[in-house]
């Protein structure tokens, strides 16, 4: 019976030797919590940076659309004004001939 008791105790001791002490567990848990908090902060920074880039890109697209619209209007006016000037000159020339 003593031998069985000793064998049982030796088995328990071998199992206890494989267990982590409460201090080590506490330190590991604290380190894990700190690392998770640091990763969370890094993730939040990345999310903020991505949102800033998306906002900047959206602003760029709007600005580019506005610039293209202004260019289109400028080209339109550049085409219309000479035609109108030509029509006005032709009308004046016809009026001058008819008025004589």
Protein backbone atom coordinates (compact mmCIF):
# COMPACT_ATOMS: atom_id res chain seq x y z
CA UNK A 1 0.00 0.00 0.00
CA UNK A 2 2.90 2.32 0.78
CA UNK A 3 4.42 1.54 -2.55
CA UNK A 4 1.14 2.39 -4.32
CA UNK A 5 0.93 5.56 -2.28
CA UNK A 6 4.52 6.50 -3.25
CA UNK A 7 3.82 5.69 -6.89
CA UNK A 8 0.69 7.82 -6.78
CA UNK A 9 2.57 10.69 -5.18
CA UNK A 10 5.37 10.37 -7.75
CA UNK A 11 2.76 10.53 -10.51
CA UNK A 12 1.24 13.65 -8.95
CA UNK A 13 4.66 15.23 -8.57
CA UNK A 14 5.50 14.56 -12.20
CA UNK A 15 2.22 16.16 -13.24
CA UNK A 16 2.80 19.14 -10.95
CA UNK A 17 6.28 19.62 -12.43
CA UNK A 18 4.68 20.16 -15.81
CA UNK A 19 2.28 22.82 -14.52
CA UNK A 20 3.07 26.51 -14.75
CA UNK A 21 3.35 28.42 -11.51
CA UNK A 22 0.77 31.11 -10.73
CA UNK A 23 3.44 33.81 -10.94
CA UNK A 24 4.55 32.72 -14.39
CA UNK A 25 0.94 32.45 -15.51
CA UNK A 26 0.22 35.95 -14.21
CA UNK A 27 3.26 37.37 -16.00
CA UNK A 28 2.32 35.60 -19.23
CA UNK A 29 -1.25 36.85 -18.96
CA UNK A 30 -0.11 40.41 -18.32
CA UNK A 31 2.28 40.25 -21.27
CA UNK A 32 -0.45 38.81 -23.49
CA UNK A 33 -2.87 41.55 -22.42
CA UNK A 34 -0.26 44.24 -23.13
CA UNK A 35 0.48 42.76 -26.53
CA UNK A 36 -3.22 42.59 -27.40
CA UNK A 37 -3.64 46.23 -26.33
CA UNK A 38 -0.63 47.27 -28.42
CA UNK A 39 -1.93 45.36 -31.45
CA UNK A 40 -5.34 46.95 -30.96
CA UNK A 41 -3.77 50.41 -30.96
CA UNK A 42 -1.73 49.60 -34.08
CA UNK A 43 -4.85 48.30 -35.78
CA UNK A 44 -6.75 51.48 -34.90
CA UNK A 45 -3.90 53.58 -36.33
CA UNK A 46 -4.00 51.56 -39.55
CA UNK A 47 -7.77 51.96 -39.77
CA UNK A 48 -7.45 55.72 -39.26
CA UNK A 49 -4.71 55.94 -41.88
CA UNK A 50 -6.78 53.96 -44.37
CA UNK A 51 -9.81 56.17 -43.75
CA UNK A 52 -7.66 59.28 -44.25
CA UNK A 53 -6.33 57.89 -47.54
CA UNK A 54 -9.85 57.03 -48.70
CA UNK A 55 -11.07 60.53 -47.81
CA UNK A 56 -8.12 62.12 -49.62
CA UNK A 57 -8.75 59.96 -52.69
CA UNK A 58 -12.44 60.86 -52.70
CA UNK A 59 -11.54 64.56 -52.46
CA UNK A 60 -9.07 64.10 -55.32
CA UNK A 61 -11.76 62.47 -57.45
CA UNK A 62 -14.19 65.32 -56.77
CA UNK A 63 -11.53 67.94 -57.51
CA UNK A 64 -10.58 66.13 -60.72
CA UNK A 65 -14.23 65.96 -61.78
CA UNK A 66 -14.62 69.69 -61.16
CA UNK A 67 -11.41 70.45 -63.08
CA UNK A 68 -12.57 68.39 -66.04
CA UNK A 69 -15.93 70.15 -66.02
CA UNK A 70 -14.21 73.55 -66.05
CA UNK A 71 -11.95 72.41 -68.90
CA UNK A 72 -14.97 71.19 -70.85
CA UNK A 73 -16.75 74.51 -70.36
CA UNK A 74 -13.63 76.42 -71.37
CA UNK A 75 -13.29 74.38 -74.59
CA UNK A 76 -16.97 74.92 -75.30
CA UNK A 77 -16.65 78.69 -74.89
CA UNK A 78 -13.48 78.67 -76.98
CA UNK A 79 -15.45 77.04 -79.79
CA UNK A 80 -18.63 79.12 -79.47
CA UNK A 81 -17.11 82.61 -79.18
CA UNK A 82 -15.25 82.53 -82.53
CA UNK A 83 -18.35 81.13 -84.29
CA UNK A 84 -20.51 83.89 -82.80
CA UNK A 85 -17.92 86.52 -83.77
CA UNK A 86 -17.91 85.14 -87.32
CA UNK A 87 -21.71 85.21 -87.49
CA UNK A 88 -21.73 88.77 -86.10
CA UNK A 89 -19.13 89.86 -88.66
CA UNK A 90 -21.15 88.23 -91.45
CA UNK A 91 -24.34 89.90 -90.21
CA UNK A 92 -22.62 93.29 -90.10
CA UNK A 93 -21.20 92.75 -93.61
CA UNK A 94 -24.64 91.77 -94.94
CA UNK A 95 -26.25 94.72 -93.18
CA UNK A 96 -23.62 97.07 -94.61
CA UNK A 97 -24.28 95.78 -98.15
CA UNK A 98 -28.04 95.96 -97.75
CA UNK A 99 -27.90 99.43 -96.17
CA UNK A 100 -26.10 100.96 -99.21
